[in-house]
Amino acid sequence: MKPLVEIQRVGPNAFTYRISAFVAGAEEAGDSGTFDSLAHCLFDAGASLGNYFSSVELNVDGLFVGAYAVDALCRHSKRVAQRILQHYQPA
């Protein structure tokens, strides 16, 4: 099972995320704080999941952008953010 990390852009340089794990009896986690970059948001999401999951699925503003190793979110958050932003253009 892979949790889903849903990232929302809430301003020009502001991101927040929510983690959903589809497990019987599990409750959805609350919203995170607000982060000044996508890389910081990815790092925080990865850090909160690192001991529990090896990979996650990511949505950015409702668009599925792929599955990523949690380790990559923590260790290479800037590269992951650059790749997502390079291929994803908000409407």
N, C-alpha and C. Protein backbone atom coordinates (compact mmCIF):
# COMPACT_ATOMS: atom_id res chain seq x y z
N MET A 1 0.82 -1.17 0.00
CA MET A 1 0.00 0.00 0.00
C MET A 1 0.88 1.25 0.00
N LYS A 2 0.53 2.20 -0.86
CA LYS A 2 1.24 3.47 -0.91
C LYS A 2 0.30 4.57 -0.45
N PRO A 3 0.75 5.39 0.47
CA PRO A 3 -0.07 6.54 0.83
C PRO A 3 -0.08 7.55 -0.31
N LEU A 4 -1.06 8.42 -0.30
CA LEU A 4 -1.19 9.48 -1.29
C LEU A 4 -0.87 10.81 -0.61
N VAL A 5 0.08 11.55 -1.18
CA VAL A 5 0.40 12.88 -0.70
C VAL A 5 -0.21 13.86 -1.70
N GLU A 6 -1.15 14.66 -1.21
CA GLU A 6 -1.82 15.65 -2.05
C GLU A 6 -1.28 17.02 -1.71
N ILE A 7 -0.56 17.62 -2.66
CA ILE A 7 0.07 18.93 -2.46
C ILE A 7 -0.78 19.97 -3.16
N GLN A 8 -1.04 21.06 -2.45
CA GLN A 8 -1.81 22.17 -3.01
C GLN A 8 -0.97 23.43 -2.97
N ARG A 9 -0.99 24.15 -4.08
CA ARG A 9 -0.37 25.48 -4.12
C ARG A 9 -1.40 26.44 -3.54
N VAL A 10 -1.03 27.16 -2.49
CA VAL A 10 -1.97 28.07 -1.85
C VAL A 10 -1.56 29.54 -2.03
N GLY A 11 -0.51 29.75 -2.80
CA GLY A 11 -0.03 31.10 -3.09
C GLY A 11 1.14 30.99 -4.05
N PRO A 12 1.68 32.12 -4.52
CA PRO A 12 2.78 32.08 -5.49
C PRO A 12 3.99 31.26 -4.98
N ASN A 13 4.32 31.39 -3.72
CA ASN A 13 5.43 30.64 -3.12
C ASN A 13 4.96 29.98 -1.85
N ALA A 14 3.81 29.29 -1.92
CA ALA A 14 3.25 28.67 -0.72
C ALA A 14 2.58 27.35 -1.09
N PHE A 15 2.96 26.30 -0.36
CA PHE A 15 2.45 24.96 -0.61
C PHE A 15 2.03 24.32 0.71
N THR A 16 1.05 23.46 0.65
CA THR A 16 0.63 22.67 1.79
C THR A 16 0.34 21.26 1.30
N TYR A 17 0.29 20.30 2.20
CA TYR A 17 0.00 18.94 1.77
C TYR A 17 -0.89 18.24 2.78
N ARG A 18 -1.50 17.15 2.30
CA ARG A 18 -2.33 16.27 3.12
C ARG A 18 -1.94 14.84 2.74
N ILE A 19 -1.84 13.98 3.73
CA ILE A 19 -1.49 12.58 3.49
C ILE A 19 -2.72 11.71 3.72
N SER A 20 -3.00 10.84 2.75
CA SER A 20 -4.10 9.89 2.88
C SER A 20 -3.53 8.48 2.77
N ALA A 21 -3.93 7.63 3.68
CA ALA A 21 -3.54 6.22 3.63
C ALA A 21 -4.83 5.42 3.61
N PHE A 22 -5.01 4.63 2.60
CA PHE A 22 -6.26 3.89 2.44
C PHE A 22 -6.14 2.53 3.12
N VAL A 23 -6.28 2.55 4.43
CA VAL A 23 -6.22 1.35 5.25
C VAL A 23 -7.51 1.28 6.05
N ALA A 24 -8.10 0.11 6.14
CA ALA A 24 -9.33 -0.03 6.90
C ALA A 24 -9.14 0.48 8.31
N GLY A 25 -10.00 1.37 8.74
CA GLY A 25 -9.94 1.90 10.10
C GLY A 25 -8.99 3.07 10.28
N ALA A 26 -8.19 3.39 9.27
CA ALA A 26 -7.25 4.50 9.39
C ALA A 26 -7.96 5.81 9.12
N GLU A 27 -7.56 6.84 9.84
CA GLU A 27 -8.12 8.15 9.61
C GLU A 27 -7.16 8.96 8.75
N GLU A 28 -7.72 9.88 7.98
CA GLU A 28 -6.92 10.74 7.14
C GLU A 28 -6.17 11.74 8.01
N ALA A 29 -4.92 11.98 7.68
CA ALA A 29 -4.12 12.94 8.44
C ALA A 29 -4.60 14.35 8.13
N GLY A 30 -4.36 15.27 9.03
CA GLY A 30 -4.74 16.66 8.82
C GLY A 30 -3.77 17.35 7.87
N ASP A 31 -4.09 18.59 7.56
CA ASP A 31 -3.22 19.37 6.68
C ASP A 31 -1.90 19.69 7.37
N SER A 32 -0.87 19.85 6.57
CA SER A 32 0.43 20.26 7.08
C SER A 32 0.42 21.76 7.30
N GLY A 33 1.54 22.28 7.67
CA GLY A 33 1.71 23.73 7.70
C GLY A 33 1.87 24.24 6.28
N THR A 34 2.24 25.48 6.13
CA THR A 34 2.48 26.06 4.81
C THR A 34 3.99 26.19 4.62
N PHE A 35 4.45 25.83 3.44
CA PHE A 35 5.88 25.83 3.13
C PHE A 35 6.17 26.81 2.00
N ASP A 36 7.36 27.42 2.02
CA ASP A 36 7.70 28.45 1.04
C ASP A 36 8.18 27.91 -0.30
N SER A 37 8.30 26.60 -0.42
CA SER A 37 8.70 26.02 -1.71
C SER A 37 8.16 24.60 -1.80
N LEU A 38 8.06 24.12 -3.02
CA LEU A 38 7.63 22.74 -3.24
C LEU A 38 8.65 21.78 -2.64
N ALA A 39 9.94 22.11 -2.74
CA ALA A 39 10.99 21.24 -2.19
C ALA A 39 10.84 21.08 -0.68
N HIS A 40 10.57 22.16 0.04
CA HIS A 40 10.38 22.06 1.49
C HIS A 40 9.15 21.24 1.83
N CYS A 41 8.10 21.41 1.05
CA CYS A 41 6.87 20.65 1.26
C CYS A 41 7.13 19.15 1.05
N LEU A 42 7.85 18.81 -0.02
CA LEU A 42 8.18 17.41 -0.30
C LEU A 42 9.05 16.82 0.80
N PHE A 43 10.04 17.60 1.25
CA PHE A 43 10.92 17.12 2.31
C PHE A 43 10.12 16.81 3.58
N ASP A 44 9.25 17.72 3.97
CA ASP A 44 8.48 17.52 5.19
C ASP A 44 7.56 16.30 5.06
N ALA A 45 6.91 16.15 3.92
CA ALA A 45 6.04 14.99 3.71
C ALA A 45 6.87 13.71 3.79
N GLY A 46 8.02 13.69 3.14
CA GLY A 46 8.88 12.51 3.19
C GLY A 46 9.36 12.20 4.58
N ALA A 47 9.74 13.24 5.33
CA ALA A 47 10.23 13.04 6.69
C ALA A 47 9.14 12.48 7.59
N SER A 48 7.89 12.87 7.36
CA SER A 48 6.81 12.37 8.21
C SER A 48 6.43 10.93 7.88
N LEU A 49 6.82 10.46 6.69
CA LEU A 49 6.47 9.10 6.27
C LEU A 49 7.63 8.13 6.29
N GLY A 50 8.85 8.62 6.42
CA GLY A 50 10.06 7.84 6.24
C GLY A 50 10.16 6.55 7.02
N ASN A 51 9.68 6.51 8.23
CA ASN A 51 9.80 5.30 9.03
C ASN A 51 8.67 4.31 8.79
N TYR A 52 7.70 4.71 8.02
CA TYR A 52 6.50 3.87 7.86
C TYR A 52 6.29 3.34 6.45
N PHE A 53 6.74 4.07 5.43
CA PHE A 53 6.49 3.69 4.04
C PHE A 53 7.75 3.86 3.21
N SER A 54 7.89 3.05 2.18
CA SER A 54 9.06 3.18 1.30
C SER A 54 8.76 4.05 0.08
N SER A 55 7.49 4.17 -0.31
CA SER A 55 7.15 5.00 -1.46
C SER A 55 5.76 5.61 -1.28
N VAL A 56 5.51 6.67 -2.03
CA VAL A 56 4.24 7.39 -1.97
C VAL A 56 3.80 7.75 -3.38
N GLU A 57 2.51 8.02 -3.53
CA GLU A 57 1.98 8.58 -4.76
C GLU A 57 1.77 10.06 -4.51
N LEU A 58 2.05 10.89 -5.52
CA LEU A 58 1.94 12.34 -5.37
C LEU A 58 0.92 12.93 -6.33
N ASN A 59 0.09 13.80 -5.80
CA ASN A 59 -0.79 14.66 -6.59
C ASN A 59 -0.37 16.09 -6.31
N VAL A 60 -0.29 16.91 -7.34
CA VAL A 60 -0.03 18.34 -7.18
C VAL A 60 -1.19 19.08 -7.80
N ASP A 61 -1.89 19.84 -6.99
CA ASP A 61 -3.08 20.58 -7.43
C ASP A 61 -4.05 19.67 -8.19
N GLY A 62 -4.23 18.46 -7.69
CA GLY A 62 -5.19 17.52 -8.26
C GLY A 62 -4.68 16.69 -9.42
N LEU A 63 -3.46 16.91 -9.87
CA LEU A 63 -2.87 16.18 -10.99
C LEU A 63 -1.92 15.12 -10.46
N PHE A 64 -2.13 13.86 -10.84
CA PHE A 64 -1.23 12.79 -10.43
C PHE A 64 0.11 12.99 -11.14
N VAL A 65 1.21 13.08 -10.36
CA VAL A 65 2.52 13.31 -10.94
C VAL A 65 3.47 12.13 -10.78
N GLY A 66 3.00 11.05 -10.16
CA GLY A 66 3.81 9.85 -10.10
C GLY A 66 3.99 9.30 -8.71
N ALA A 67 4.71 8.19 -8.66
CA ALA A 67 5.06 7.54 -7.39
C ALA A 67 6.55 7.79 -7.17
N TYR A 68 6.90 8.09 -5.93
CA TYR A 68 8.28 8.42 -5.59
C TYR A 68 8.70 7.68 -4.33
N ALA A 69 9.98 7.34 -4.26
CA ALA A 69 10.53 6.77 -3.04
C ALA A 69 10.55 7.85 -1.97
N VAL A 70 10.14 7.49 -0.76
CA VAL A 70 10.15 8.44 0.35
C VAL A 70 11.57 8.95 0.58
N ASP A 71 12.55 8.09 0.44
CA ASP A 71 13.95 8.49 0.60
C ASP A 71 14.32 9.62 -0.38
N ALA A 72 13.80 9.55 -1.61
CA ALA A 72 14.08 10.60 -2.60
C ALA A 72 13.46 11.93 -2.19
N LEU A 73 12.29 11.89 -1.56
CA LEU A 73 11.66 13.13 -1.10
C LEU A 73 12.51 13.79 -0.02
N CYS A 74 13.13 12.99 0.81
CA CYS A 74 13.96 13.54 1.89
C CYS A 74 15.36 13.94 1.40
N ARG A 75 16.00 13.08 0.66
CA ARG A 75 17.41 13.31 0.29
C ARG A 75 17.58 14.16 -0.96
N HIS A 76 16.57 14.16 -1.84
CA HIS A 76 16.69 14.87 -3.12
C HIS A 76 15.45 15.71 -3.40
N SER A 77 14.93 16.36 -2.37
CA SER A 77 13.67 17.09 -2.53
C SER A 77 13.76 18.21 -3.56
N LYS A 78 14.91 18.87 -3.67
CA LYS A 78 15.04 19.94 -4.67
C LYS A 78 14.98 19.38 -6.08
N ARG A 79 15.64 18.25 -6.31
CA ARG A 79 15.61 17.63 -7.65
C ARG A 79 14.21 17.14 -8.01
N VAL A 80 13.55 16.52 -7.04
CA VAL A 80 12.18 16.03 -7.28
C VAL A 80 11.27 17.22 -7.59
N ALA A 81 11.39 18.29 -6.83
CA ALA A 81 10.57 19.48 -7.06
C ALA A 81 10.84 20.08 -8.45
N GLN A 82 12.10 20.17 -8.83
CA GLN A 82 12.44 20.70 -10.15
C GLN A 82 11.84 19.85 -11.25
N ARG A 83 11.91 18.54 -11.09
CA ARG A 83 11.36 17.65 -12.11
C ARG A 83 9.84 17.81 -12.22
N ILE A 84 9.18 17.88 -11.08
CA ILE A 84 7.72 18.06 -11.10
C ILE A 84 7.36 19.39 -11.76
N LEU A 85 8.02 20.48 -11.35
CA LEU A 85 7.70 21.79 -11.89
C LEU A 85 8.07 21.91 -13.36
N GLN A 86 9.08 21.19 -13.79
CA GLN A 86 9.49 21.21 -15.20
C GLN A 86 8.41 20.60 -16.08
N HIS A 87 7.73 19.56 -15.59
CA HIS A 87 6.75 18.85 -16.39
C HIS A 87 5.31 19.24 -16.08
N TYR A 88 5.12 20.03 -15.05
CA TYR A 88 3.78 20.39 -14.62
C TYR A 88 3.61 21.90 -14.69
N GLN A 89 2.68 22.34 -15.49
CA GLN A 89 2.38 23.77 -15.60
C GLN A 89 0.97 24.01 -15.10
N PRO A 90 0.81 24.73 -13.97
CA PRO A 90 -0.54 24.96 -13.46
C PRO A 90 -1.40 25.71 -14.46
N ALA A 91 -2.69 25.44 -14.43
CA ALA A 91 -3.63 26.07 -15.36
C ALA A 91 -3.83 27.53 -15.03
